[in-house]
Amino acid sequence: MKKNNLSVKLFIQSFILGVIIIGLTSCGKKDENSPGVEFMPDMYRSVSLEYYSTHTIDGMVENNAKLPVEGTIARGYLPYSYPNTPEGYEKAGLNLKNPLNAKSREEYEVEGEVIYGKFCTHCHGASGAGDGKVSDKLPGPPPAYNGALKNLPEGKIFHSITYGKGTMGSHASQLTQDERWKLVYFVQKLQGPKEVPLADSTAAKVK
């Protein structure tokens, strides 16, 4: 009876030792990236190219981390075709119009006021007079919306918010395009009624 128990213990010990040896052997390959002997690897390593790996095509070693082709538009991103140049600024003023529904303008103005309070009040002031809390720390206070900027077109306002203007930095990374257009609506509210150019008013009288 004791001999049988001894034989069983010896068999179990030998089996466990064998499993350990096989396990150590499978982990002892020179290739540190090799997983060793695997049981049912399934699809852990697909036949497709892995990202950030290299491959050889037509004798050329290429990296898989490629830039997207020119003209690619990221999901959720709307392209802006006006460059950050004086020419782009003027073109935006002439051609760029607010795409938001004008019927909901009052609603957008309310949302724009909230955005203005978070991002603009500290410099431009609550009423857009350029008297914000930090305006006296700037090289020059921002011009008033109902003064020097009264007739600034919506395209130039949007362009300035997008790229920045003077000492004001770009807000494109902080505000979506829709949020910027809502802000434009509120800024136009601060501008008040547009001033009619003298030539136009004279022409109107002649008619």
N, C-alpha and C. Protein backbone atom coordinates (compact mmCIF):
# COMPACT_ATOMS: atom_id res chain seq x y z
N MET A 1 0.83 -1.20 0.00
CA MET A 1 0.00 0.00 0.00
C MET A 1 0.87 1.26 0.00
N LYS A 2 1.91 1.20 0.86
CA LYS A 2 2.82 2.34 0.93
C LYS A 2 3.55 2.51 -0.39
N LYS A 3 3.88 1.38 -1.03
CA LYS A 3 4.59 1.46 -2.31
C LYS A 3 3.71 2.12 -3.36
N ASN A 4 2.43 1.79 -3.36
CA ASN A 4 1.51 2.40 -4.33
C ASN A 4 1.40 3.90 -4.10
N ASN A 5 1.29 4.30 -2.84
CA ASN A 5 1.22 5.73 -2.53
C ASN A 5 2.49 6.45 -2.94
N LEU A 6 3.62 5.78 -2.73
CA LEU A 6 4.90 6.37 -3.12
C LEU A 6 4.99 6.52 -4.62
N SER A 7 4.49 5.54 -5.34
CA SER A 7 4.51 5.59 -6.81
C SER A 7 3.63 6.72 -7.33
N VAL A 8 2.47 6.88 -6.71
CA VAL A 8 1.56 7.96 -7.12
C VAL A 8 2.19 9.32 -6.86
N LYS A 9 2.80 9.50 -5.68
CA LYS A 9 3.46 10.76 -5.35
C LYS A 9 4.59 11.04 -6.31
N LEU A 10 5.37 10.00 -6.63
CA LEU A 10 6.49 10.16 -7.55
C LEU A 10 6.01 10.56 -8.93
N PHE A 11 4.89 9.95 -9.36
CA PHE A 11 4.33 10.28 -10.67
C PHE A 11 3.86 11.74 -10.70
N ILE A 12 3.17 12.14 -9.64
CA ILE A 12 2.67 13.53 -9.59
C ILE A 12 3.82 14.52 -9.57
N GLN A 13 4.84 14.23 -8.79
CA GLN A 13 6.00 15.12 -8.72
C GLN A 13 6.71 15.19 -10.07
N SER A 14 6.84 14.04 -10.71
CA SER A 14 7.50 14.02 -12.03
C SER A 14 6.69 14.81 -13.05
N PHE A 15 5.38 14.67 -12.99
CA PHE A 15 4.50 15.38 -13.92
C PHE A 15 4.62 16.89 -13.72
N ILE A 16 4.56 17.31 -12.46
CA ILE A 16 4.67 18.74 -12.16
C ILE A 16 6.03 19.28 -12.60
N LEU A 17 7.09 18.51 -12.33
CA LEU A 17 8.43 18.92 -12.73
C LEU A 17 8.53 19.02 -14.24
N GLY A 18 7.91 18.08 -14.95
CA GLY A 18 7.92 18.12 -16.41
C GLY A 18 7.22 19.34 -16.96
N VAL A 19 6.07 19.69 -16.36
CA VAL A 19 5.33 20.88 -16.79
C VAL A 19 6.17 22.13 -16.57
N ILE A 20 6.85 22.20 -15.43
CA ILE A 20 7.69 23.36 -15.13
C ILE A 20 8.83 23.47 -16.13
N ILE A 21 9.45 22.34 -16.45
CA ILE A 21 10.56 22.34 -17.42
C ILE A 21 10.08 22.80 -18.78
N ILE A 22 8.93 22.28 -19.22
CA ILE A 22 8.39 22.69 -20.52
C ILE A 22 8.06 24.18 -20.52
N GLY A 23 7.50 24.65 -19.41
CA GLY A 23 7.18 26.07 -19.32
C GLY A 23 8.40 26.95 -19.38
N LEU A 24 9.44 26.56 -18.66
CA LEU A 24 10.69 27.34 -18.68
C LEU A 24 11.33 27.28 -20.05
N THR A 25 11.25 26.14 -20.69
CA THR A 25 11.83 25.99 -22.03
C THR A 25 11.12 26.89 -23.03
N SER A 26 9.80 26.98 -22.93
CA SER A 26 9.05 27.82 -23.87
C SER A 26 9.32 29.29 -23.65
N CYS A 27 9.76 29.67 -22.46
CA CYS A 27 10.05 31.07 -22.16
C CYS A 27 11.51 31.42 -22.40
N GLY A 28 12.30 30.45 -22.76
CA GLY A 28 13.74 30.69 -22.84
C GLY A 28 14.26 30.94 -24.23
N LYS A 29 13.39 31.34 -25.17
CA LYS A 29 13.84 31.59 -26.54
C LYS A 29 14.64 32.89 -26.59
N LYS A 30 15.50 32.97 -27.60
CA LYS A 30 16.36 34.15 -27.73
C LYS A 30 15.55 35.39 -28.10
N ASP A 31 14.48 35.20 -28.86
CA ASP A 31 13.66 36.33 -29.25
C ASP A 31 12.80 36.78 -28.07
N GLU A 32 13.11 37.94 -27.53
CA GLU A 32 12.38 38.40 -26.34
C GLU A 32 10.92 38.75 -26.64
N ASN A 33 10.61 38.96 -27.91
CA ASN A 33 9.24 39.27 -28.29
C ASN A 33 8.41 38.02 -28.55
N SER A 34 9.07 36.86 -28.54
CA SER A 34 8.35 35.62 -28.81
C SER A 34 7.56 35.19 -27.58
N PRO A 35 6.30 34.79 -27.76
CA PRO A 35 5.50 34.35 -26.62
C PRO A 35 5.79 32.92 -26.20
N GLY A 36 6.68 32.25 -26.92
CA GLY A 36 6.97 30.85 -26.60
C GLY A 36 5.89 29.94 -27.15
N VAL A 37 5.75 28.78 -26.53
CA VAL A 37 4.73 27.83 -26.96
C VAL A 37 3.36 28.32 -26.52
N GLU A 38 2.45 28.43 -27.47
CA GLU A 38 1.12 28.93 -27.16
C GLU A 38 0.07 27.85 -27.40
N PHE A 39 -0.94 27.88 -26.61
CA PHE A 39 -2.05 26.96 -26.78
C PHE A 39 -3.25 27.76 -27.28
N MET A 40 -3.68 27.46 -28.49
CA MET A 40 -4.81 28.14 -29.13
C MET A 40 -4.59 29.67 -29.18
N PRO A 41 -3.65 30.14 -29.99
CA PRO A 41 -3.40 31.59 -30.09
C PRO A 41 -4.56 32.35 -30.73
N ASP A 42 -5.50 31.59 -31.32
CA ASP A 42 -6.66 32.22 -31.97
C ASP A 42 -6.18 33.28 -32.97
N MET A 43 -6.62 34.54 -32.79
CA MET A 43 -6.27 35.59 -33.75
C MET A 43 -5.50 36.72 -33.06
N TYR A 44 -4.68 36.34 -32.07
CA TYR A 44 -3.90 37.36 -31.36
C TYR A 44 -2.97 38.10 -32.31
N ARG A 45 -2.44 37.41 -33.29
CA ARG A 45 -1.57 38.01 -34.28
C ARG A 45 -2.21 37.84 -35.65
N SER A 46 -2.82 38.91 -36.12
CA SER A 46 -3.51 38.84 -37.40
C SER A 46 -2.50 38.98 -38.54
N VAL A 47 -2.95 38.68 -39.73
CA VAL A 47 -2.07 38.76 -40.90
C VAL A 47 -1.92 40.21 -41.36
N SER A 48 -2.75 41.10 -40.85
CA SER A 48 -2.65 42.50 -41.24
C SER A 48 -1.43 43.14 -40.59
N LEU A 49 -1.02 44.27 -41.16
CA LEU A 49 0.15 44.98 -40.65
C LEU A 49 -0.21 45.68 -39.34
N GLU A 50 0.66 45.57 -38.37
CA GLU A 50 0.44 46.22 -37.08
C GLU A 50 0.87 47.69 -37.16
N TYR A 51 0.19 48.53 -36.39
CA TYR A 51 0.56 49.95 -36.38
C TYR A 51 1.93 50.15 -35.75
N TYR A 52 2.62 51.16 -36.24
CA TYR A 52 3.98 51.51 -35.80
C TYR A 52 5.01 50.42 -36.09
N SER A 53 4.66 49.43 -36.90
CA SER A 53 5.64 48.42 -37.30
C SER A 53 6.20 48.79 -38.66
N THR A 54 7.20 48.09 -39.11
CA THR A 54 7.80 48.36 -40.41
C THR A 54 7.56 47.17 -41.32
N HIS A 55 7.55 47.43 -42.59
CA HIS A 55 7.35 46.37 -43.58
C HIS A 55 8.17 46.71 -44.82
N THR A 56 8.34 45.76 -45.67
CA THR A 56 9.12 45.96 -46.89
C THR A 56 8.20 45.82 -48.10
N ILE A 57 8.12 46.86 -48.89
CA ILE A 57 7.33 46.84 -50.11
C ILE A 57 8.23 47.25 -51.26
N ASP A 58 8.33 46.38 -52.25
CA ASP A 58 9.19 46.64 -53.41
C ASP A 58 10.61 46.99 -52.98
N GLY A 59 11.08 46.30 -51.95
CA GLY A 59 12.46 46.50 -51.52
C GLY A 59 12.66 47.72 -50.66
N MET A 60 11.60 48.46 -50.36
CA MET A 60 11.72 49.67 -49.54
C MET A 60 11.11 49.44 -48.17
N VAL A 61 11.82 49.81 -47.14
CA VAL A 61 11.31 49.67 -45.78
C VAL A 61 10.46 50.88 -45.46
N GLU A 62 9.21 50.64 -45.11
CA GLU A 62 8.27 51.72 -44.84
C GLU A 62 7.71 51.58 -43.43
N ASN A 63 7.35 52.71 -42.85
CA ASN A 63 6.71 52.72 -41.54
C ASN A 63 5.20 52.76 -41.71
N ASN A 64 4.49 51.99 -40.91
CA ASN A 64 3.04 51.95 -41.03
C ASN A 64 2.35 53.20 -40.51
N ALA A 65 3.03 53.98 -39.67
CA ALA A 65 2.43 55.20 -39.12
C ALA A 65 2.49 56.30 -40.18
N LYS A 66 1.51 56.30 -41.06
CA LYS A 66 1.50 57.24 -42.18
C LYS A 66 0.61 58.44 -41.88
N LEU A 67 0.96 59.56 -42.46
CA LEU A 67 0.09 60.72 -42.40
C LEU A 67 -1.06 60.50 -43.37
N PRO A 68 -2.24 61.03 -43.09
CA PRO A 68 -3.36 60.88 -44.03
C PRO A 68 -3.06 61.61 -45.32
N VAL A 69 -3.71 61.20 -46.40
CA VAL A 69 -3.47 61.82 -47.69
C VAL A 69 -3.92 63.28 -47.64
N GLU A 70 -3.35 64.08 -48.50
CA GLU A 70 -3.68 65.50 -48.54
C GLU A 70 -5.16 65.69 -48.84
N GLY A 71 -5.79 66.55 -48.11
CA GLY A 71 -7.22 66.80 -48.30
C GLY A 71 -8.11 66.00 -47.38
N THR A 72 -7.51 65.13 -46.56
CA THR A 72 -8.31 64.33 -45.62
C THR A 72 -8.92 65.23 -44.55
N ILE A 73 -10.18 65.02 -44.26
CA ILE A 73 -10.89 65.80 -43.24
C ILE A 73 -11.19 64.90 -42.06
N ALA A 74 -10.75 65.28 -40.89
CA ALA A 74 -10.98 64.48 -39.69
C ALA A 74 -12.47 64.47 -39.34
N ARG A 75 -12.91 63.37 -38.75
CA ARG A 75 -14.31 63.25 -38.36
C ARG A 75 -14.67 64.32 -37.32
N GLY A 76 -15.78 64.98 -37.55
CA GLY A 76 -16.23 66.02 -36.63
C GLY A 76 -15.56 67.36 -36.84
N TYR A 77 -14.70 67.46 -37.87
CA TYR A 77 -13.98 68.71 -38.11
C TYR A 77 -14.48 69.33 -39.41
N LEU A 78 -14.78 70.61 -39.38
CA LEU A 78 -15.20 71.32 -40.58
C LEU A 78 -14.05 72.17 -41.08
N PRO A 79 -13.65 72.00 -42.33
CA PRO A 79 -12.51 72.77 -42.85
C PRO A 79 -12.83 74.26 -42.92
N TYR A 80 -11.81 75.06 -42.78
CA TYR A 80 -11.95 76.52 -42.88
C TYR A 80 -10.98 76.97 -43.96
N SER A 81 -11.53 77.49 -45.04
CA SER A 81 -10.73 77.72 -46.25
C SER A 81 -10.03 79.06 -46.30
N TYR A 82 -10.23 79.91 -45.30
CA TYR A 82 -9.60 81.24 -45.34
C TYR A 82 -8.30 81.21 -44.53
N PRO A 83 -7.17 81.53 -45.17
CA PRO A 83 -5.88 81.46 -44.47
C PRO A 83 -5.70 82.60 -43.48
N ASN A 84 -4.76 82.42 -42.58
CA ASN A 84 -4.46 83.45 -41.58
C ASN A 84 -3.50 84.48 -42.17
N THR A 85 -4.00 85.23 -43.11
CA THR A 85 -3.24 86.27 -43.80
C THR A 85 -4.12 87.51 -43.91
N PRO A 86 -3.52 88.68 -44.19
CA PRO A 86 -4.35 89.87 -44.40
C PRO A 86 -5.36 89.67 -45.53
N GLU A 87 -4.93 88.96 -46.58
CA GLU A 87 -5.85 88.70 -47.70
C GLU A 87 -7.01 87.79 -47.27
N GLY A 88 -6.67 86.77 -46.47
CA GLY A 88 -7.70 85.87 -45.97
C GLY A 88 -8.69 86.59 -45.07
N TYR A 89 -8.19 87.52 -44.28
CA TYR A 89 -9.04 88.32 -43.38
C TYR A 89 -10.04 89.15 -44.18
N GLU A 90 -9.54 89.79 -45.25
CA GLU A 90 -10.42 90.62 -46.08
C GLU A 90 -11.44 89.77 -46.84
N LYS A 91 -11.00 88.63 -47.36
CA LYS A 91 -11.92 87.75 -48.09
C LYS A 91 -13.01 87.20 -47.17
N ALA A 92 -12.61 86.88 -45.94
CA ALA A 92 -13.61 86.39 -44.98
C ALA A 92 -14.65 87.47 -44.71
N GLY A 93 -14.21 88.72 -44.63
CA GLY A 93 -15.14 89.81 -44.41
C GLY A 93 -16.12 90.00 -45.55
N LEU A 94 -15.66 89.72 -46.76
CA LEU A 94 -16.51 89.91 -47.94
C LEU A 94 -17.45 88.73 -48.19
N ASN A 95 -16.95 87.52 -47.98
CA ASN A 95 -17.68 86.34 -48.44
C ASN A 95 -18.26 85.46 -47.35
N LEU A 96 -17.69 85.49 -46.15
CA LEU A 96 -18.10 84.54 -45.11
C LEU A 96 -19.37 85.01 -44.41
N LYS A 97 -20.37 84.14 -44.41
CA LYS A 97 -21.65 84.46 -43.78
C LYS A 97 -21.98 83.42 -42.71
N ASN A 98 -22.74 83.85 -41.73
CA ASN A 98 -23.12 82.96 -40.63
C ASN A 98 -24.04 81.86 -41.13
N PRO A 99 -23.65 80.59 -41.00
CA PRO A 99 -24.47 79.49 -41.52
C PRO A 99 -25.62 79.09 -40.58
N LEU A 100 -25.64 79.62 -39.37
CA LEU A 100 -26.70 79.26 -38.42
C LEU A 100 -28.03 79.87 -38.84
N ASN A 101 -29.09 79.18 -38.54
CA ASN A 101 -30.43 79.61 -38.93
C ASN A 101 -30.78 80.95 -38.28
N ALA A 102 -31.04 81.96 -39.11
CA ALA A 102 -31.33 83.29 -38.60
C ALA A 102 -32.64 83.33 -37.81
N LYS A 103 -33.54 82.37 -38.06
CA LYS A 103 -34.81 82.33 -37.34
C LYS A 103 -34.60 82.04 -35.85
N SER A 104 -33.50 81.38 -35.54
CA SER A 104 -33.18 81.05 -34.15
C SER A 104 -32.14 82.00 -33.58
N ARG A 105 -32.02 83.18 -34.19
CA ARG A 105 -30.95 84.11 -33.81
C ARG A 105 -31.02 84.49 -32.33
N GLU A 106 -32.20 84.78 -31.82
CA GLU A 106 -32.32 85.19 -30.42
C GLU A 106 -31.83 84.09 -29.49
N GLU A 107 -32.15 82.85 -29.82
CA GLU A 107 -31.70 81.71 -29.01
C GLU A 107 -30.18 81.60 -29.07
N TYR A 108 -29.62 81.79 -30.27
CA TYR A 108 -28.17 81.71 -30.43
C TYR A 108 -27.48 82.87 -29.72
N GLU A 109 -28.11 84.03 -29.70
CA GLU A 109 -27.53 85.18 -29.00
C GLU A 109 -27.40 84.90 -27.51
N VAL A 110 -28.40 84.22 -26.95
CA VAL A 110 -28.36 83.86 -25.52
C VAL A 110 -27.20 82.90 -25.26
N GLU A 111 -27.05 81.91 -26.14
CA GLU A 111 -25.94 80.96 -25.99
C GLU A 111 -24.60 81.66 -26.21
N GLY A 112 -24.59 82.58 -27.17
CA GLY A 112 -23.37 83.34 -27.44
C GLY A 112 -22.97 84.22 -26.28
N GLU A 113 -23.96 84.74 -25.56
CA GLU A 113 -23.67 85.57 -24.38
C GLU A 113 -22.98 84.75 -23.29
N VAL A 114 -23.41 83.50 -23.13
CA VAL A 114 -22.77 82.62 -22.14
C VAL A 114 -21.32 82.37 -22.54
N ILE A 115 -21.10 82.10 -23.82
CA ILE A 115 -19.73 81.87 -24.31
C ILE A 115 -18.89 83.13 -24.13
N TYR A 116 -19.49 84.28 -24.45
CA TYR A 116 -18.79 85.56 -24.30
C TYR A 116 -18.36 85.78 -22.85
N GLY A 117 -19.24 85.45 -21.92
CA GLY A 117 -18.92 85.62 -20.51
C GLY A 117 -17.76 84.77 -20.05
N LYS A 118 -17.59 83.61 -20.67
CA LYS A 118 -16.52 82.70 -20.27
C LYS A 118 -15.18 83.04 -20.93
N PHE A 119 -15.22 83.49 -22.18
CA PHE A 119 -13.98 83.63 -22.94
C PHE A 119 -13.60 85.06 -23.30
N CYS A 120 -14.51 86.01 -23.19
CA CYS A 120 -14.23 87.34 -23.75
C CYS A 120 -14.33 88.50 -22.75
N THR A 121 -15.16 88.34 -21.72
CA THR A 121 -15.45 89.45 -20.82
C THR A 121 -14.20 90.02 -20.15
N HIS A 122 -13.26 89.16 -19.80
CA HIS A 122 -12.09 89.63 -19.05
C HIS A 122 -11.27 90.65 -19.83
N CYS A 123 -11.36 90.64 -21.15
CA CYS A 123 -10.64 91.64 -21.95
C CYS A 123 -11.60 92.68 -22.54
N HIS A 124 -12.68 92.20 -23.17
CA HIS A 124 -13.57 93.10 -23.90
C HIS A 124 -14.61 93.79 -23.01
N GLY A 125 -14.78 93.29 -21.79
CA GLY A 125 -15.78 93.89 -20.91
C GLY A 125 -17.16 93.32 -21.15
N ALA A 126 -18.04 93.47 -20.17
CA ALA A 126 -19.38 92.90 -20.26
C ALA A 126 -20.20 93.47 -21.40
N SER A 127 -19.99 94.75 -21.71
CA SER A 127 -20.75 95.41 -22.78
C SER A 127 -19.97 95.53 -24.07
N GLY A 128 -18.75 94.98 -24.11
CA GLY A 128 -17.94 95.05 -25.32
C GLY A 128 -17.27 96.39 -25.52
N ALA A 129 -17.10 97.14 -24.43
CA ALA A 129 -16.50 98.47 -24.54
C ALA A 129 -14.98 98.44 -24.41
N GLY A 130 -14.41 97.25 -24.29
CA GLY A 130 -12.96 97.14 -24.15
C GLY A 130 -12.46 97.47 -22.77
N ASP A 131 -13.32 97.34 -21.77
CA ASP A 131 -12.97 97.72 -20.40
C ASP A 131 -12.97 96.52 -19.46
N GLY A 132 -12.50 95.38 -19.94
CA GLY A 132 -12.44 94.19 -19.11
C GLY A 132 -11.44 94.32 -17.98
N LYS A 133 -11.47 93.37 -17.05
CA LYS A 133 -10.63 93.45 -15.86
C LYS A 133 -9.14 93.43 -16.17
N VAL A 134 -8.75 92.80 -17.28
CA VAL A 134 -7.32 92.73 -17.61
C VAL A 134 -6.96 93.66 -18.76
N SER A 135 -7.91 94.47 -19.23
CA SER A 135 -7.64 95.32 -20.39
C SER A 135 -6.54 96.34 -20.12
N ASP A 136 -6.45 96.81 -18.86
CA ASP A 136 -5.42 97.80 -18.54
C ASP A 136 -4.03 97.18 -18.48
N LYS A 137 -3.95 95.85 -18.49
CA LYS A 137 -2.66 95.17 -18.49
C LYS A 137 -2.15 94.93 -19.91
N LEU A 138 -3.00 95.14 -20.90
CA LEU A 138 -2.64 94.88 -22.29
C LEU A 138 -1.92 96.09 -22.89
N PRO A 139 -1.12 95.86 -23.95
CA PRO A 139 -0.44 96.98 -24.62
C PRO A 139 -1.41 98.05 -25.09
N GLY A 140 -2.60 97.62 -25.49
CA GLY A 140 -3.64 98.55 -25.90
C GLY A 140 -4.99 97.92 -25.62
N PRO A 141 -5.94 98.67 -25.04
CA PRO A 141 -7.25 98.08 -24.74
C PRO A 141 -7.98 97.68 -26.02
N PRO A 142 -8.78 96.61 -25.98
CA PRO A 142 -9.53 96.20 -27.16
C PRO A 142 -10.49 97.30 -27.60
N PRO A 143 -10.61 97.54 -28.89
CA PRO A 143 -11.56 98.56 -29.36
C PRO A 143 -13.00 98.15 -29.04
N ALA A 144 -13.85 99.13 -28.85
CA ALA A 144 -15.24 98.87 -28.48
C ALA A 144 -16.03 98.34 -29.68
N TYR A 145 -16.92 97.40 -29.41
CA TYR A 145 -17.75 96.85 -30.48
C TYR A 145 -18.74 97.88 -31.02
N ASN A 146 -19.20 98.77 -30.16
CA ASN A 146 -20.14 99.79 -30.62
C ASN A 146 -19.42 101.08 -31.02
N GLY A 147 -18.11 100.99 -31.14
CA GLY A 147 -17.31 102.14 -31.56
C GLY A 147 -16.53 101.84 -32.82
N ALA A 148 -15.22 101.61 -32.66
CA ALA A 148 -14.35 101.37 -33.82
C ALA A 148 -14.73 100.10 -34.57
N LEU A 149 -15.32 99.14 -33.87
CA LEU A 149 -15.67 97.86 -34.52
C LEU A 149 -17.15 97.76 -34.85
N LYS A 150 -17.85 98.85 -34.86
CA LYS A 150 -19.30 98.83 -35.04
C LYS A 150 -19.71 98.21 -36.37
N ASN A 151 -18.99 98.49 -37.42
CA ASN A 151 -19.34 97.99 -38.74
C ASN A 151 -18.50 96.79 -39.18
N LEU A 152 -17.80 96.17 -38.25
CA LEU A 152 -16.99 95.00 -38.60
C LEU A 152 -17.91 93.87 -39.04
N PRO A 153 -17.74 93.35 -40.26
CA PRO A 153 -18.64 92.30 -40.76
C PRO A 153 -18.46 90.98 -40.02
N GLU A 154 -19.48 90.15 -40.09
CA GLU A 154 -19.49 88.89 -39.36
C GLU A 154 -18.35 87.96 -39.77
N GLY A 155 -17.97 88.01 -41.05
CA GLY A 155 -16.88 87.17 -41.52
C GLY A 155 -15.56 87.51 -40.85
N LYS A 156 -15.30 88.80 -40.66
CA LYS A 156 -14.06 89.22 -40.00
C LYS A 156 -14.10 88.90 -38.51
N ILE A 157 -15.27 89.00 -37.91
CA ILE A 157 -15.39 88.64 -36.49
C ILE A 157 -15.06 87.17 -36.30
N PHE A 158 -15.66 86.32 -37.14
CA PHE A 158 -15.41 84.88 -37.05
C PHE A 158 -13.94 84.57 -37.32
N HIS A 159 -13.37 85.22 -38.31
CA HIS A 159 -11.97 85.01 -38.67
C HIS A 159 -11.05 85.38 -37.50
N SER A 160 -11.37 86.47 -36.82
CA SER A 160 -10.56 86.93 -35.69
C SER A 160 -10.66 85.97 -34.51
N ILE A 161 -11.86 85.43 -34.28
CA ILE A 161 -12.02 84.45 -33.20
C ILE A 161 -11.25 83.18 -33.52
N THR A 162 -11.26 82.81 -34.79
CA THR A 162 -10.61 81.56 -35.22
C THR A 162 -9.10 81.65 -35.11
N TYR A 163 -8.51 82.72 -35.65
CA TYR A 163 -7.06 82.83 -35.69
C TYR A 163 -6.47 83.73 -34.61
N GLY A 164 -7.30 84.60 -34.06
CA GLY A 164 -6.77 85.61 -33.15
C GLY A 164 -6.51 86.89 -33.92
N LYS A 165 -6.45 87.99 -33.19
CA LYS A 165 -6.21 89.29 -33.82
C LYS A 165 -5.52 90.19 -32.83
N GLY A 166 -4.38 90.78 -33.23
CA GLY A 166 -3.65 91.65 -32.32
C GLY A 166 -3.14 90.86 -31.13
N THR A 167 -3.46 91.32 -29.93
CA THR A 167 -3.02 90.62 -28.72
C THR A 167 -3.95 89.46 -28.34
N MET A 168 -5.06 89.33 -29.05
CA MET A 168 -5.99 88.22 -28.76
C MET A 168 -5.52 86.95 -29.46
N GLY A 169 -5.48 85.87 -28.72
CA GLY A 169 -5.07 84.60 -29.29
C GLY A 169 -6.21 83.87 -29.98
N SER A 170 -5.87 82.79 -30.66
CA SER A 170 -6.86 81.97 -31.34
C SER A 170 -7.74 81.24 -30.33
N HIS A 171 -9.02 81.14 -30.67
CA HIS A 171 -9.97 80.39 -29.83
C HIS A 171 -10.51 79.16 -30.57
N ALA A 172 -9.86 78.79 -31.67
CA ALA A 172 -10.33 77.66 -32.46
C ALA A 172 -10.23 76.34 -31.71
N SER A 173 -9.25 76.23 -30.81
CA SER A 173 -9.08 74.99 -30.06
C SER A 173 -10.02 74.91 -28.86
N GLN A 174 -10.66 76.02 -28.52
CA GLN A 174 -11.53 76.07 -27.35
C GLN A 174 -13.01 76.08 -27.71
N LEU A 175 -13.30 76.58 -28.91
CA LEU A 175 -14.69 76.71 -29.33
C LEU A 175 -14.89 76.03 -30.67
N THR A 176 -15.99 75.31 -30.81
CA THR A 176 -16.33 74.71 -32.10
C THR A 176 -16.76 75.81 -33.06
N GLN A 177 -16.89 75.46 -34.33
CA GLN A 177 -17.32 76.47 -35.30
C GLN A 177 -18.71 76.98 -34.97
N ASP A 178 -19.62 76.10 -34.56
CA ASP A 178 -20.96 76.55 -34.20
C ASP A 178 -20.92 77.51 -33.01
N GLU A 179 -20.08 77.21 -32.03
CA GLU A 179 -19.97 78.09 -30.86
C GLU A 179 -19.40 79.44 -31.26
N ARG A 180 -18.46 79.45 -32.19
CA ARG A 180 -17.89 80.72 -32.66
C ARG A 180 -18.94 81.55 -33.38
N TRP A 181 -19.79 80.88 -34.17
CA TRP A 181 -20.84 81.62 -34.88
C TRP A 181 -21.89 82.15 -33.91
N LYS A 182 -22.20 81.41 -32.87
CA LYS A 182 -23.12 81.90 -31.84
C LYS A 182 -22.52 83.12 -31.15
N LEU A 183 -21.21 83.07 -30.95
CA LEU A 183 -20.51 84.21 -30.35
C LEU A 183 -20.57 85.41 -31.28
N VAL A 184 -20.47 85.17 -32.58
CA VAL A 184 -20.58 86.25 -33.57
C VAL A 184 -21.94 86.94 -33.46
N TYR A 185 -22.99 86.16 -33.32
CA TYR A 185 -24.33 86.74 -33.17
C TYR A 185 -24.40 87.67 -31.96
N PHE A 186 -23.80 87.25 -30.86
CA PHE A 186 -23.86 88.09 -29.66
C PHE A 186 -23.00 89.34 -29.82
N VAL A 187 -21.84 89.19 -30.46
CA VAL A 187 -20.99 90.36 -30.70
C VAL A 187 -21.72 91.37 -31.58
N GLN A 188 -22.45 90.88 -32.58
CA GLN A 188 -23.23 91.79 -33.42
C GLN A 188 -24.32 92.50 -32.62
N LYS A 189 -24.85 91.82 -31.62
CA LYS A 189 -25.83 92.46 -30.74
C LYS A 189 -25.17 93.60 -29.96
N LEU A 190 -23.93 93.38 -29.53
CA LEU A 190 -23.19 94.43 -28.82
C LEU A 190 -22.83 95.58 -29.76
N GLN A 191 -22.65 95.29 -31.04
CA GLN A 191 -22.32 96.34 -32.00
C GLN A 191 -23.47 97.33 -32.16
N GLY A 192 -24.68 96.83 -32.06
CA GLY A 192 -25.84 97.68 -32.27
C GLY A 192 -26.13 97.85 -33.75
N PRO A 193 -27.05 98.74 -34.11
CA PRO A 193 -27.40 98.95 -35.52
C PRO A 193 -26.19 99.42 -36.32
N LYS A 194 -26.10 98.91 -37.54
CA LYS A 194 -24.98 99.30 -38.41
C LYS A 194 -25.14 100.75 -38.85
N GLU A 195 -24.00 101.42 -38.99
CA GLU A 195 -24.01 102.79 -39.50
C GLU A 195 -24.06 102.75 -41.02
N VAL A 196 -24.93 103.54 -41.60
CA VAL A 196 -25.04 103.59 -43.06
C VAL A 196 -23.97 104.52 -43.61
N PRO A 197 -23.14 104.05 -44.56
CA PRO A 197 -22.11 104.92 -45.14
C PRO A 197 -22.74 106.17 -45.75
N LEU A 198 -21.99 107.26 -45.72
CA LEU A 198 -22.49 108.55 -46.20
C LEU A 198 -22.94 108.47 -47.64
N ALA A 199 -22.16 107.80 -48.49
CA ALA A 199 -22.50 107.70 -49.91
C ALA A 199 -23.83 106.99 -50.09
N ASP A 200 -24.06 105.93 -49.32
CA ASP A 200 -25.31 105.18 -49.43
C ASP A 200 -26.50 106.01 -48.95
N SER A 201 -26.29 106.76 -47.86
CA SER A 201 -27.39 107.57 -47.34
C SER A 201 -27.75 108.69 -48.31
N THR A 202 -26.74 109.27 -48.97
CA THR A 202 -26.98 110.32 -49.96
C THR A 202 -27.74 109.75 -51.14
N ALA A 203 -27.30 108.54 -51.57
CA ALA A 203 -27.97 107.90 -52.69
C ALA A 203 -29.42 107.60 -52.35
N ALA A 204 -29.65 107.23 -51.08
CA ALA A 204 -31.02 106.91 -50.67
C ALA A 204 -31.90 108.16 -50.74
N LYS A 205 -31.33 109.32 -50.36
CA LYS A 205 -32.10 110.56 -50.40
C LYS A 205 -32.43 110.96 -51.84
N VAL A 206 -31.46 110.73 -52.76
CA VAL A 206 -31.67 111.08 -54.16
C VAL A 206 -32.81 110.27 -54.74
N LYS A 207 -32.87 108.97 -54.36
CA LYS A 207 -33.94 108.12 -54.86
C LYS A 207 -35.29 108.60 -54.32
